[in-house]
Amino acid sequence: MDNPHLPLTGLRAFEAAARHLNFTRAALELRITQAALSHRIRGLETRLGCTLFRRLPRGVALTDEGAALLPAIGDAFSRIDAALARFDGASPREVLTVSAVATFVTGWLLSRLPAFETAHPGIDLRLLTHNNRIDQAGEGLDLAVRFGDGSWLGLDAVHLCAAPFAPVCAPALARRVRRRSDLVGLPLLRSYRPDEWARWCAAAKLPMPALRGPVFDSSLAIASAAAAGAGVALLPVAMFEQDLASGRLVRLSPVEVNVGGYWLTRLRSREETPAMQAFRTWAGAN
């Protein structure tokens, strides 16, 4: 090492990336671009004369040198943050990265976030969205809200709420439905879960029609297509109360079918932090 004076920005970038084991999450926390984060870490590695991370197809892993450095750097920054907090009267804030199904974010979480922030001012929440297909370990997430049956390998899951599905469409299309059997004569919009319409038709005691047309990867996309008049969508109606109240969408039948619920998940291999516990307790109580 030619220069003993190491860049503070590089050390901070290393600590965040090592804690998350993900450059994207670390860059988000530090409010810099991923390219800038990578540049700072490469600069630190050059100064130290060693490699701190092994780049993997999804995420990164610490080298032996990086694993040896992390405890000292992490402790140092924790002490610095705690000391600086005394001067501005603030308590150290714990970063919490939560990724959630976009439908759940818009239909449930956003309206409740102010209450969470008021109750937990010491938590710096970073909220991301996904379409229910994520790699919780590879993406370095603290918690994730998923849709399903609550059974995922390697994850602890806490049930948040049920989400029964019912058919909805645009008002103009709804006027063509005079009886329940008229519904299956309309274009039925499909999601990547292939059995939803079959299960609803069985519950409604209707014949299952042939399904054609595009397949959507999110309920938000299907809802937008339905609102535009493209067809009938099978949606978790509790997540679209505002659209139904405004008349953007019209519910076509009282028949519902349960194809899953919303769950808060955490890697079993990841120790639960105070912020993770606080969010779990709050979300479960709401």
Protein backbone atom coordinates (compact mmCIF):
# COMPACT_ATOMS: atom_id res chain seq x y z
CA MET A 1 0.00 0.00 0.00
CA ASP A 2 1.73 3.17 -1.22
CA ASN A 3 -0.48 5.67 0.61
CA PRO A 4 -1.66 4.99 4.18
CA HIS A 5 -4.37 7.66 3.95
CA LEU A 6 -7.43 5.80 2.72
CA PRO A 7 -10.40 7.67 1.16
CA LEU A 8 -13.32 7.94 3.55
CA THR A 9 -15.79 7.71 0.65
CA GLY A 10 -14.22 4.43 -0.43
CA LEU A 11 -14.41 3.00 3.07
CA ARG A 12 -18.06 4.05 3.37
CA ALA A 13 -18.83 2.47 -0.01
CA PHE A 14 -17.10 -0.74 1.06
CA GLU A 15 -18.99 -0.91 4.37
CA ALA A 16 -22.40 -0.43 2.74
CA ALA A 17 -21.69 -2.93 -0.05
CA ALA A 18 -20.31 -5.49 2.41
CA ARG A 19 -23.33 -5.12 4.68
CA HIS A 20 -25.83 -5.58 1.84
CA LEU A 21 -23.66 -7.87 -0.31
CA ASN A 22 -25.25 -6.01 -3.19
CA PHE A 23 -23.89 -2.93 -5.00
CA THR A 24 -27.34 -1.72 -6.10
CA ARG A 25 -28.72 -1.65 -2.55
CA ALA A 26 -25.54 -0.01 -1.23
CA ALA A 27 -25.68 2.71 -3.88
CA LEU A 28 -29.34 3.34 -3.04
CA GLU A 29 -28.50 3.74 0.65
CA LEU A 30 -25.65 6.17 -0.06
CA ARG A 31 -27.69 8.07 -2.66
CA ILE A 32 -25.09 7.64 -5.39
CA THR A 33 -25.09 5.74 -8.66
CA GLN A 34 -23.95 2.13 -8.82
CA ALA A 35 -21.15 3.20 -11.16
CA ALA A 36 -19.90 5.72 -8.58
CA LEU A 37 -20.01 3.09 -5.85
CA SER A 38 -18.04 0.62 -7.97
CA HIS A 39 -15.48 3.33 -8.76
CA ARG A 40 -14.96 4.11 -5.07
CA ILE A 41 -14.52 0.46 -4.19
CA ARG A 42 -12.05 -0.11 -7.03
CA GLY A 43 -10.09 2.90 -5.80
CA LEU A 44 -10.00 1.46 -2.28
CA GLU A 45 -8.90 -1.95 -3.59
CA THR A 46 -6.11 -0.26 -5.54
CA ARG A 47 -4.93 1.60 -2.43
CA LEU A 48 -5.00 -1.60 -0.35
CA GLY A 49 -3.45 -3.73 -3.05
CA CYS A 50 -6.07 -6.49 -2.74
CA THR A 51 -9.52 -7.50 -3.92
CA LEU A 52 -12.33 -7.03 -1.40
CA PHE A 53 -15.25 -8.54 -3.34
CA ARG A 54 -15.85 -11.46 -5.66
CA ARG A 55 -18.37 -10.49 -8.33
CA LEU A 56 -21.09 -13.12 -8.71
CA PRO A 57 -23.86 -13.48 -11.33
CA ARG A 58 -26.29 -12.08 -8.71
CA GLY A 59 -24.70 -9.86 -6.08
CA VAL A 60 -21.22 -10.09 -4.62
CA ALA A 61 -19.33 -12.02 -1.94
CA LEU A 62 -16.56 -10.86 0.35
CA THR A 63 -13.04 -12.17 -0.19
CA ASP A 64 -11.03 -13.23 2.85
CA GLU A 65 -9.46 -9.76 2.90
CA GLY A 66 -12.87 -8.09 2.73
CA ALA A 67 -14.28 -10.29 5.50
CA ALA A 68 -11.33 -9.42 7.71
CA LEU A 69 -11.75 -5.69 7.08
CA LEU A 70 -15.50 -5.42 7.56
CA PRO A 71 -15.80 -5.78 11.36
CA ALA A 72 -13.34 -2.96 12.01
CA ILE A 73 -14.81 -0.65 9.38
CA GLY A 74 -18.39 -1.37 10.41
CA ASP A 75 -17.62 -0.71 14.06
CA ALA A 76 -15.79 2.50 13.21
CA PHE A 77 -18.68 3.93 11.21
CA SER A 78 -21.17 2.92 13.89
CA ARG A 79 -19.13 4.83 16.46
CA ILE A 80 -18.84 7.86 14.17
CA ASP A 81 -22.61 7.92 13.49
CA ALA A 82 -23.40 7.61 17.20
CA ALA A 83 -20.96 10.39 18.10
CA LEU A 84 -22.27 12.79 15.43
CA ALA A 85 -25.84 12.16 16.51
CA ARG A 86 -25.05 13.81 19.85
CA PHE A 87 -24.38 17.12 18.11
CA ASP A 88 -27.61 17.36 16.17
CA GLY A 89 -29.81 15.81 18.83
CA ALA A 90 -30.81 12.96 16.53
CA SER A 91 -30.66 9.25 17.17
CA PRO A 92 -28.73 7.07 14.73
CA ARG A 93 -31.04 5.88 11.94
CA GLU A 94 -31.14 2.25 10.84
CA VAL A 95 -31.56 1.67 7.11
CA LEU A 96 -34.28 -0.87 6.23
CA THR A 97 -34.69 -2.06 2.65
CA VAL A 98 -38.10 -3.53 1.88
CA SER A 99 -39.24 -4.76 -1.52
CA ALA A 100 -42.94 -5.36 -2.10
CA VAL A 101 -45.32 -6.44 -4.82
CA ALA A 102 -46.30 -3.23 -6.61
CA THR A 103 -50.02 -3.96 -6.21
CA PHE A 104 -49.57 -4.21 -2.44
CA VAL A 105 -47.57 -0.97 -2.35
CA THR A 106 -50.25 1.07 -4.14
CA GLY A 107 -53.27 -0.69 -2.67
CA TRP A 108 -52.21 -1.10 0.97
CA LEU A 109 -48.83 0.23 2.00
CA LEU A 110 -48.63 3.81 0.71
CA SER A 111 -51.62 5.08 2.68
CA ARG A 112 -50.17 3.59 5.88
CA LEU A 113 -46.55 4.72 5.49
CA PRO A 114 -46.98 8.09 7.26
CA ALA A 115 -48.14 6.23 10.38
CA PHE A 116 -45.09 3.96 10.26
CA GLU A 117 -42.69 6.88 9.84
CA THR A 118 -44.32 8.71 12.75
CA ALA A 119 -44.08 5.64 14.98
CA HIS A 120 -40.49 4.81 13.96
CA PRO A 121 -38.52 8.01 13.21
CA GLY A 122 -35.24 6.15 13.71
CA ILE A 123 -35.78 3.90 10.67
CA ASP A 124 -34.67 5.07 7.22
CA LEU A 125 -37.02 3.02 5.01
CA ARG A 126 -35.98 2.23 1.43
CA LEU A 127 -39.00 0.92 -0.48
CA LEU A 128 -38.65 -1.00 -3.74
CA THR A 129 -41.24 -2.78 -5.89
CA HIS A 130 -41.20 -6.10 -7.72
CA ASN A 131 -43.58 -8.35 -9.67
CA ASN A 132 -43.41 -11.29 -7.22
CA ARG A 133 -40.32 -12.77 -8.84
CA ILE A 134 -37.29 -11.80 -6.79
CA ASP A 135 -34.07 -13.23 -5.39
CA GLN A 136 -34.22 -12.02 -1.80
CA ALA A 137 -30.67 -13.11 -1.01
CA GLY A 138 -29.09 -11.97 -4.27
CA GLU A 139 -30.74 -8.55 -4.13
CA GLY A 140 -29.68 -7.91 -0.53
CA LEU A 141 -33.20 -7.24 0.78
CA ASP A 142 -33.97 -7.01 4.48
CA LEU A 143 -37.64 -7.89 3.96
CA ALA A 144 -39.95 -8.59 1.04
CA VAL A 145 -43.72 -8.63 0.65
CA ARG A 146 -44.75 -11.48 -1.65
CA PHE A 147 -48.00 -12.89 -2.96
CA GLY A 148 -48.57 -16.61 -2.56
CA ASP A 149 -49.29 -19.37 -0.07
CA GLY A 150 -46.62 -18.41 2.49
CA SER A 151 -44.36 -21.36 1.68
CA TRP A 152 -40.97 -20.38 0.26
CA LEU A 153 -37.75 -22.31 0.73
CA GLY A 154 -35.38 -20.70 3.23
CA LEU A 155 -37.80 -17.92 4.21
CA ASP A 156 -39.81 -17.09 7.30
CA ALA A 157 -43.21 -15.68 6.31
CA VAL A 158 -45.72 -13.61 8.30
CA HIS A 159 -49.24 -13.37 6.87
CA LEU A 160 -50.30 -9.76 6.30
CA CYS A 161 -53.69 -9.95 4.61
CA ALA A 162 -55.93 -12.09 2.43
CA ALA A 163 -56.54 -11.08 -1.17
CA PRO A 164 -59.63 -12.72 -2.72
CA PHE A 165 -59.91 -12.24 -6.48
CA ALA A 166 -63.03 -11.11 -8.38
CA PRO A 167 -63.64 -10.02 -11.98
CA VAL A 168 -63.58 -6.32 -12.90
CA CYS A 169 -63.62 -4.33 -16.12
CA ALA A 170 -64.22 -0.87 -17.58
CA PRO A 171 -67.73 0.61 -17.21
CA ALA A 172 -68.44 0.43 -20.95
CA LEU A 173 -67.64 -3.27 -21.05
CA ALA A 174 -69.61 -3.92 -17.85
CA ARG A 175 -72.79 -2.70 -19.55
CA ARG A 176 -72.61 -5.74 -21.82
CA VAL A 177 -72.92 -8.11 -18.85
CA ARG A 178 -76.60 -8.69 -18.08
CA ARG A 179 -76.14 -12.09 -16.42
CA ARG A 180 -73.14 -13.88 -15.00
CA SER A 181 -72.83 -16.19 -18.00
CA ASP A 182 -72.27 -13.15 -20.25
CA LEU A 183 -68.96 -12.58 -18.50
CA VAL A 184 -67.18 -15.58 -20.01
CA GLY A 185 -68.09 -14.35 -23.48
CA LEU A 186 -65.88 -11.29 -23.02
CA PRO A 187 -62.08 -11.18 -23.46
CA LEU A 188 -60.54 -12.51 -20.23
CA LEU A 189 -57.16 -11.00 -19.39
CA ARG A 190 -54.51 -13.46 -18.19
CA SER A 191 -51.76 -13.29 -15.60
CA TYR A 192 -48.67 -15.49 -15.36
CA ARG A 193 -50.59 -17.67 -12.87
CA PRO A 194 -52.43 -19.95 -15.32
CA ASP A 195 -55.14 -21.40 -13.06
CA GLU A 196 -56.82 -18.24 -11.75
CA TRP A 197 -59.66 -18.10 -14.25
CA ALA A 198 -60.26 -21.85 -14.05
CA ARG A 199 -60.63 -21.61 -10.28
CA TRP A 200 -62.94 -18.61 -10.48
CA CYS A 201 -65.14 -20.21 -13.14
CA ALA A 202 -65.40 -23.34 -11.00
CA ALA A 203 -66.46 -21.22 -8.00
CA ALA A 204 -68.98 -19.33 -10.15
CA LYS A 205 -70.26 -22.60 -11.71
CA LEU A 206 -69.50 -21.37 -15.22
CA PRO A 207 -67.84 -23.18 -18.14
CA MET A 208 -64.19 -22.37 -18.60
CA PRO A 209 -63.68 -20.62 -21.97
CA ALA A 210 -60.53 -20.76 -24.06
CA LEU A 211 -58.08 -18.06 -23.03
CA ARG A 212 -56.20 -16.06 -25.65
CA GLY A 213 -54.25 -12.84 -25.81
CA PRO A 214 -51.26 -11.46 -23.94
CA VAL A 215 -50.10 -12.64 -20.52
CA PHE A 216 -49.40 -9.92 -17.93
CA ASP A 217 -46.80 -10.13 -15.15
CA SER A 218 -48.53 -7.85 -12.63
CA SER A 219 -52.00 -7.02 -11.37
CA LEU A 220 -51.32 -3.31 -11.93
CA ALA A 221 -50.71 -3.93 -15.63
CA ILE A 222 -53.84 -6.08 -15.93
CA ALA A 223 -55.89 -3.41 -14.11
CA SER A 224 -54.68 -0.74 -16.54
CA ALA A 225 -55.56 -2.95 -19.51
CA ALA A 226 -59.01 -3.60 -18.04
CA ALA A 227 -59.61 0.11 -17.39
CA ALA A 228 -58.69 0.79 -21.03
CA GLY A 229 -61.43 -1.61 -22.16
CA ALA A 230 -59.17 -4.49 -23.24
CA GLY A 231 -61.14 -7.11 -21.31
CA VAL A 232 -62.09 -8.48 -17.91
CA ALA A 233 -59.41 -8.73 -15.23
CA LEU A 234 -59.37 -11.06 -12.25
CA LEU A 235 -57.90 -8.93 -9.47
CA PRO A 236 -57.41 -8.83 -5.68
CA VAL A 237 -60.25 -6.35 -5.26
CA ALA A 238 -59.13 -5.14 -1.81
CA MET A 239 -56.05 -3.63 -3.50
CA PHE A 240 -58.18 -1.68 -6.01
CA GLU A 241 -60.76 -0.04 -3.76
CA GLN A 242 -59.96 3.44 -5.07
CA ASP A 243 -60.41 2.38 -8.70
CA LEU A 244 -63.75 0.75 -7.86
CA ALA A 245 -64.92 3.73 -5.81
CA SER A 246 -64.02 6.18 -8.59
CA GLY A 247 -65.75 4.10 -11.26
CA ARG A 248 -62.56 3.50 -13.23
CA LEU A 249 -63.25 -0.21 -12.74
CA VAL A 250 -66.55 -2.03 -12.14
CA ARG A 251 -66.90 -5.28 -10.25
CA LEU A 252 -68.90 -7.82 -12.25
CA SER A 253 -69.72 -10.52 -9.69
CA PRO A 254 -69.80 -11.08 -5.92
CA VAL A 255 -68.12 -14.47 -6.42
CA GLU A 256 -64.55 -14.50 -5.11
CA VAL A 257 -61.74 -17.04 -5.21
CA ASN A 258 -58.67 -17.24 -2.98
CA VAL A 259 -55.48 -17.91 -4.92
CA GLY A 260 -53.05 -16.57 -2.31
CA GLY A 261 -52.37 -13.80 0.17
CA TYR A 262 -49.73 -11.20 0.98
CA TRP A 263 -46.84 -12.27 3.21
CA LEU A 264 -43.87 -10.49 4.74
CA THR A 265 -40.77 -12.64 4.24
CA ARG A 266 -37.27 -12.71 5.71
CA LEU A 267 -34.32 -14.96 4.99
CA ARG A 268 -33.94 -17.48 7.81
CA SER A 269 -30.17 -17.12 7.46
CA ARG A 270 -30.36 -13.35 8.10
CA GLU A 271 -30.48 -12.18 11.70
CA GLU A 272 -33.47 -9.97 12.43
CA THR A 273 -32.47 -6.40 13.23
CA PRO A 274 -34.50 -4.03 15.45
CA ALA A 275 -35.76 -2.22 12.34
CA MET A 276 -36.85 -5.48 10.70
CA GLN A 277 -38.66 -6.51 13.88
CA ALA A 278 -40.36 -3.11 14.14
CA PHE A 279 -41.62 -3.28 10.56
CA ARG A 280 -42.82 -6.87 10.99
CA THR A 281 -44.74 -5.99 14.17
CA TRP A 282 -46.24 -2.86 12.61
CA ALA A 283 -47.25 -4.52 9.32
CA GLY A 284 -48.74 -7.53 11.09
CA ALA A 285 -50.84 -5.29 13.34
CA ASN A 286 -52.25 -3.31 10.43
